[in-house]
Protein backbone atom coordinates (compact mmCIF):
# COMPACT_ATOMS: atom_id res chain seq x y z
CA MET A 1 58.51 -33.85 60.42
CA ALA A 2 57.87 -30.34 59.01
CA ASN A 3 58.20 -29.29 55.38
CA GLY A 4 59.74 -32.68 54.59
CA LYS A 5 62.51 -32.28 57.19
CA ALA A 6 63.09 -34.94 59.82
CA ASP A 7 63.01 -34.04 63.48
CA TYR A 8 66.52 -33.04 64.60
CA TYR A 9 66.31 -35.19 67.73
CA ASP A 10 65.29 -38.20 65.65
CA THR A 11 68.13 -37.49 63.21
CA LEU A 12 70.70 -37.75 66.01
CA GLY A 13 68.80 -40.46 67.85
CA VAL A 14 68.45 -38.57 71.15
CA GLY A 15 65.59 -37.34 73.30
CA LYS A 16 64.69 -33.74 74.02
CA THR A 17 66.18 -34.01 77.50
CA ALA A 18 69.56 -35.16 76.19
CA SER A 19 72.57 -33.39 77.69
CA ALA A 20 75.16 -31.51 75.63
CA ASP A 21 77.58 -34.45 75.99
CA GLU A 22 74.93 -36.93 74.88
CA ILE A 23 74.13 -34.80 71.84
CA LYS A 24 77.83 -34.56 70.96
CA LYS A 25 78.36 -38.33 71.32
CA ALA A 26 75.30 -39.05 69.19
CA TYR A 27 76.54 -36.61 66.57
CA ARG A 28 79.94 -38.28 66.35
CA LYS A 29 78.35 -41.71 66.10
CA GLN A 30 75.98 -40.66 63.31
CA ALA A 31 78.72 -38.72 61.48
CA LEU A 32 80.99 -41.76 61.46
CA GLU A 33 78.17 -44.04 60.41
CA TRP A 34 77.13 -41.85 57.47
CA HIS A 35 80.53 -40.74 56.26
CA PRO A 36 80.24 -40.88 52.43
CA ASP A 37 83.51 -42.80 52.08
CA LYS A 38 81.88 -45.70 53.95
CA HIS A 39 78.96 -45.81 51.48
CA LYS A 40 80.61 -45.72 48.09
CA ASP A 41 77.82 -47.84 46.63
CA ASN A 42 75.26 -45.18 47.56
CA LYS A 43 77.35 -42.07 48.14
CA GLU A 44 74.62 -39.57 47.18
CA ALA A 45 72.24 -40.83 49.86
CA ALA A 46 75.05 -40.93 52.42
CA GLU A 47 76.04 -37.34 51.66
CA ARG A 48 72.43 -36.24 52.06
CA ARG A 49 72.15 -38.03 55.41
CA PHE A 50 75.54 -36.66 56.46
CA LYS A 51 74.32 -33.10 55.84
CA GLU A 52 71.16 -33.76 57.86
CA VAL A 53 73.22 -35.02 60.79
CA ASN A 54 75.47 -31.97 60.68
CA GLU A 55 72.53 -29.57 60.45
CA ALA A 56 70.83 -31.23 63.41
CA TYR A 57 73.99 -30.90 65.49
CA GLN A 58 74.46 -27.25 64.50
CA ILE A 59 71.05 -26.50 66.03
CA LEU A 60 70.95 -28.79 69.05
CA SER A 61 74.51 -28.01 70.18
CA ASP A 62 73.73 -24.29 70.43
CA PRO A 63 71.60 -23.50 73.52
CA GLN A 64 69.83 -20.51 71.93
CA LYS A 65 69.09 -22.26 68.63
CA LYS A 66 68.01 -25.39 70.51
CA GLN A 67 65.57 -23.32 72.57
CA ALA A 68 64.17 -21.72 69.43
CA TYR A 69 63.77 -25.16 67.81
CA ASP A 70 62.09 -26.61 70.88
CA GLN A 71 59.58 -23.76 70.83
CA MET A 72 58.95 -23.37 67.09
CA GLY A 73 60.33 -26.45 65.37
CA HIS A 74 61.76 -26.11 61.86
CA SER A 75 59.73 -22.94 61.29
CA ALA A 76 62.20 -21.17 63.60
CA PHE A 77 64.76 -21.29 60.80
CA GLN A 78 62.63 -20.76 57.72
CA PRO A 79 63.51 -17.83 55.41
CA GLY A 80 61.33 -14.78 55.79
CA GLY A 81 61.14 -14.77 59.56
CA SER A 82 64.54 -13.23 60.11
CA PRO A 83 64.77 -9.85 61.87
CA PHE A 84 67.75 -9.12 59.68
CA GLY A 85 65.92 -9.14 56.36
CA GLY A 86 64.40 -6.18 54.57
CA GLY A 87 65.19 -2.62 55.49
CA ARG A 88 67.23 -0.14 53.51
CA GLN A 89 69.19 -1.62 50.63
CA GLY A 90 72.92 -1.01 50.27
CA PRO A 91 75.99 -1.86 52.34
CA PHE A 92 74.17 -1.29 55.62
CA THR A 93 70.69 -2.70 56.23
CA TYR A 94 68.63 -1.28 59.08
CA THR A 95 66.07 -3.57 60.65
CA TYR A 96 63.93 -3.55 63.75
CA THR A 97 63.54 -6.54 66.02
CA SER A 98 60.74 -7.58 68.32
CA SER A 99 60.20 -10.44 70.74
CA GLY A 100 57.85 -12.12 68.29
CA GLN A 101 60.42 -12.42 65.55
CA ASN A 102 62.79 -15.30 65.02
CA PRO A 103 66.42 -14.39 65.82
CA PHE A 104 67.88 -17.33 63.92
CA ALA A 105 66.06 -17.53 60.57
CA GLY A 106 68.28 -17.27 57.54
CA PHE A 107 71.50 -18.05 59.42
CA ASP A 108 74.22 -19.78 57.43
CA PHE A 109 74.93 -23.01 59.28
CA GLY A 110 78.27 -23.41 57.55
CA ASP A 111 79.74 -26.13 55.43
CA PRO A 112 78.21 -29.49 56.47
CA PHE A 113 81.43 -31.22 55.44
CA GLU A 114 83.56 -29.23 57.87
CA ILE A 115 83.38 -32.30 60.09
CA PHE A 116 85.88 -33.85 57.67
CA GLU A 117 88.56 -31.77 59.37
CA GLN A 118 87.38 -32.86 62.80
CA PHE A 119 87.15 -36.60 62.41
CA PHE A 120 88.74 -37.63 59.13
CA SER A 121 91.91 -37.17 57.16
CA ALA A 122 91.52 -34.94 54.12
CA ARG A 123 92.73 -37.85 51.98
CA GLY A 124 89.43 -39.68 51.85
CA GLY A 125 88.60 -43.35 52.60
CA GLY A 126 90.12 -44.80 55.74
CA GLY A 127 91.15 -41.32 56.80
CA PHE A 128 89.68 -41.60 60.26
CA ARG A 129 91.82 -44.61 61.15
CA ARG A 130 94.94 -42.87 59.84
CA ALA A 131 94.08 -39.65 61.67
CA GLN A 132 93.87 -41.59 64.92
CA GLN A 133 97.48 -42.69 64.49
CA VAL A 134 99.06 -39.25 63.95
CA PRO A 135 100.14 -36.93 66.79
CA ARG A 136 97.66 -34.32 67.99
CA TYR A 137 98.53 -30.86 69.27
CA SER A 138 96.54 -27.81 70.35
CA ILE A 139 97.15 -24.09 70.26
CA ASP A 140 95.46 -21.00 71.71
CA ILE A 141 94.96 -18.01 69.44
CA SER A 142 93.13 -14.71 69.81
CA PHE A 143 89.79 -13.82 68.23
CA MET A 144 91.51 -11.49 65.76
CA GLU A 145 94.14 -14.07 64.85
CA ALA A 146 91.33 -16.48 64.04
CA ALA A 147 89.57 -13.82 61.97
CA HIS A 148 92.62 -12.78 59.93
CA GLY A 149 94.81 -15.87 60.00
CA VAL A 150 98.23 -16.10 61.61
CA GLU A 151 101.57 -17.88 61.54
CA LYS A 152 102.57 -19.55 64.80
CA ARG A 153 105.55 -21.40 66.20
CA VAL A 154 104.27 -24.67 67.64
CA ASP A 155 106.20 -27.01 69.93
CA MET A 156 105.88 -30.42 68.27
CA GLY A 157 107.75 -32.34 70.96
CA GLY A 158 110.83 -32.95 68.87
CA GLY A 159 111.19 -29.26 68.09
CA LYS A 160 109.31 -26.14 67.03
CA ARG A 161 107.67 -25.66 63.64
CA THR A 162 106.14 -22.63 61.99
CA ILE A 163 102.60 -23.30 60.79
CA LYS A 164 100.09 -21.12 58.98
CA ILE A 165 96.58 -21.00 60.44
CA PRO A 166 94.05 -19.83 57.83
CA ALA A 167 91.68 -16.91 58.34
CA GLY A 168 88.24 -18.00 59.49
CA VAL A 169 89.08 -20.86 61.86
CA ASP A 170 86.74 -21.12 64.82
CA ASP A 171 87.04 -22.41 68.34
CA GLY A 172 87.23 -26.21 68.20
CA SER A 173 88.45 -26.36 64.59
CA ARG A 174 90.92 -29.13 63.81
CA ILE A 175 93.38 -28.79 60.96
CA GLN A 176 94.82 -31.89 59.31
CA PHE A 177 98.46 -31.43 58.31
CA ASN A 178 100.59 -34.09 56.60
CA ASP A 179 101.90 -35.64 59.81
CA PHE A 180 99.80 -34.23 62.66
CA ILE A 181 96.44 -32.74 63.65
CA LEU A 182 96.19 -29.31 65.26
CA SER A 183 93.24 -28.32 67.45
CA ILE A 184 92.41 -24.61 67.61
CA ASN A 185 91.26 -22.88 70.80
CA VAL A 186 90.06 -19.33 70.18
CA ARG A 187 90.03 -16.93 73.12
CA PRO A 188 86.85 -14.81 73.47
CA HIS A 189 86.95 -11.16 72.44
CA GLU A 190 86.02 -8.36 74.82
CA ILE A 191 83.41 -6.82 72.48
CA PHE A 192 82.85 -9.13 69.51
CA GLU A 193 80.79 -12.31 69.56
CA ARG A 194 80.73 -14.83 66.75
CA ASP A 195 78.24 -17.24 65.20
CA GLY A 196 79.87 -19.07 62.32
CA ALA A 197 81.07 -16.38 59.91
CA ASP A 198 78.81 -13.69 61.41
CA VAL A 199 79.97 -11.21 64.06
CA TYR A 200 77.87 -9.37 66.65
CA VAL A 201 78.67 -6.21 68.60
CA ARG A 202 76.76 -3.69 70.72
CA ARG A 203 77.14 0.07 70.24
CA THR A 204 75.75 2.58 72.72
CA ILE A 205 74.49 5.85 71.21
CA SER A 206 73.24 9.01 72.86
CA PHE A 207 69.57 9.85 73.24
CA SER A 208 70.04 12.93 71.09
CA LEU A 209 71.68 10.96 68.27
CA ALA A 210 68.88 8.40 68.33
CA THR A 211 66.30 11.19 68.25
CA LEU A 212 67.84 13.51 65.68
CA GLY A 213 69.89 11.06 63.65
CA GLY A 214 73.47 11.37 62.48
CA ASP A 215 76.67 9.39 61.98
CA VAL A 216 78.47 7.14 64.43
CA LYS A 217 81.60 5.01 64.21
CA VAL A 218 81.34 1.32 65.03
CA PRO A 219 84.13 -1.26 65.39
CA THR A 220 84.51 -4.17 62.97
CA VAL A 221 87.13 -6.91 62.74
CA ASP A 222 88.83 -4.82 60.05
CA GLY A 223 88.69 -1.47 61.84
CA GLU A 224 86.11 1.23 62.45
CA VAL A 225 83.45 2.15 59.92
CA LYS A 226 80.96 5.01 59.96
CA ILE A 227 77.24 4.28 59.75
CA LYS A 228 74.26 6.60 59.55
CA VAL A 229 71.73 6.48 62.37
CA ARG A 230 68.26 7.44 61.25
CA SER A 231 66.28 9.94 63.28
CA GLY A 232 63.87 8.25 65.67
CA THR A 233 65.96 5.09 65.96
CA PRO A 234 64.65 2.99 68.89
CA SER A 235 66.96 1.21 71.31
CA GLY A 236 67.67 -2.35 70.15
CA THR A 237 67.76 -1.53 66.44
CA MET A 238 69.96 -4.00 64.57
CA VAL A 239 72.22 -2.75 61.78
CA ARG A 240 73.57 -5.25 59.29
CA LEU A 241 76.96 -4.62 57.74
CA ARG A 242 77.17 -6.91 54.76
CA GLY A 243 80.48 -8.67 54.24
CA LYS A 244 82.02 -7.25 57.42
CA GLY A 245 82.11 -10.57 59.25
CA ILE A 246 84.61 -13.44 59.30
CA LYS A 247 86.09 -14.98 56.17
CA ARG A 248 84.46 -18.32 55.38
CA LEU A 249 86.83 -21.26 55.34
CA ARG A 250 84.81 -22.86 52.56
CA GLY A 251 82.78 -21.31 49.79
CA GLY A 252 84.58 -17.98 49.81
CA GLY A 253 83.36 -14.58 50.89
CA HIS A 254 82.76 -13.19 54.36
CA GLY A 255 79.91 -13.31 56.82
CA ASP A 256 78.05 -10.22 58.01
CA GLN A 257 78.40 -8.08 61.10
CA TYR A 258 75.36 -7.13 63.16
CA VAL A 259 75.45 -4.02 65.31
CA ARG A 260 72.81 -3.65 68.01
CA LEU A 261 72.27 0.02 68.85
CA GLN A 262 71.55 0.66 72.51
CA VAL A 263 70.15 4.12 73.29
CA GLU A 264 71.57 5.64 76.45
CA VAL A 265 68.86 7.53 78.34
CA PRO A 266 70.31 10.34 80.48
CA GLN A 267 69.98 9.72 84.21
CA LYS A 268 70.21 13.36 85.30
CA LEU A 269 68.80 16.39 83.50
CA SER A 270 69.23 20.07 84.20
CA ARG A 271 66.20 22.30 84.66
CA SER A 272 66.45 23.60 81.11
CA GLN A 273 66.75 20.06 79.74
CA LYS A 274 63.72 18.91 81.72
CA LYS A 275 61.80 21.88 80.38
CA LEU A 276 62.68 20.90 76.80
CA VAL A 277 61.59 17.29 77.42
CA ARG A 278 58.25 18.50 78.83
CA GLU A 279 57.73 20.70 75.79
CA LEU A 280 58.44 17.73 73.56
CA GLU A 281 55.96 15.68 75.56
CA LYS A 282 53.31 18.35 74.99
CA GLU A 283 53.97 18.13 71.29
CA GLY A 284 53.23 14.41 71.42
CA MET A 285 56.81 13.18 71.17
């Protein structure tokens, strides 16, 4: 235990060598056991335990976060260690990362009660048993459809129905309708990656732009935006675009987008260009 928090493996009741399937099975078992509707005489304690179970699964089910936890424990996710904090204030925050910094601190692990949509009916007590009795369907949607929401025609067996999928759904989300449950499969995007409500993208910039500074356009889920690159920007610099991520299903607002700037070093230089580089080297640059 660190800072009053129980070990995530102990919370789920698994060992450190547990497989992804074992972690998932343990999570489902604990989630069902500590569902608040099954502990109406002590609902507050059940809700607290339920959140702990969900948090543990959020970490141990993600290979990168699990690795960080195995190496650093709970301190891997403490505020203050994030490479995304600090920097210039305003809509875009520039930060520099290094191998010694924690890449996961300060992440929003989402609504711990999102599991309600996965295992229980939205109607409360006894919902899981009822949900087991209703038909289940699945649908594939694109990354952008998940980000912005979409209406789809779904074959329900007895006919097609038009359903509205809300903005912010993620791969694996399950939506409880009145008479059926719909599982969402989100296809990967060619440039964007997602972690909860946050979006990540890489942007290659020229050596001259990184050296001299200037403006560059970067893609977001809502279209291109222009950001300012500071002179002397090193390769790997992370730019945070506040509120440019995915809409949160619960709690309102949007996540952030993180742009990693990769500096492209020229492979071939002309004689005059080589001469300029040597002159820069002489000047200590």
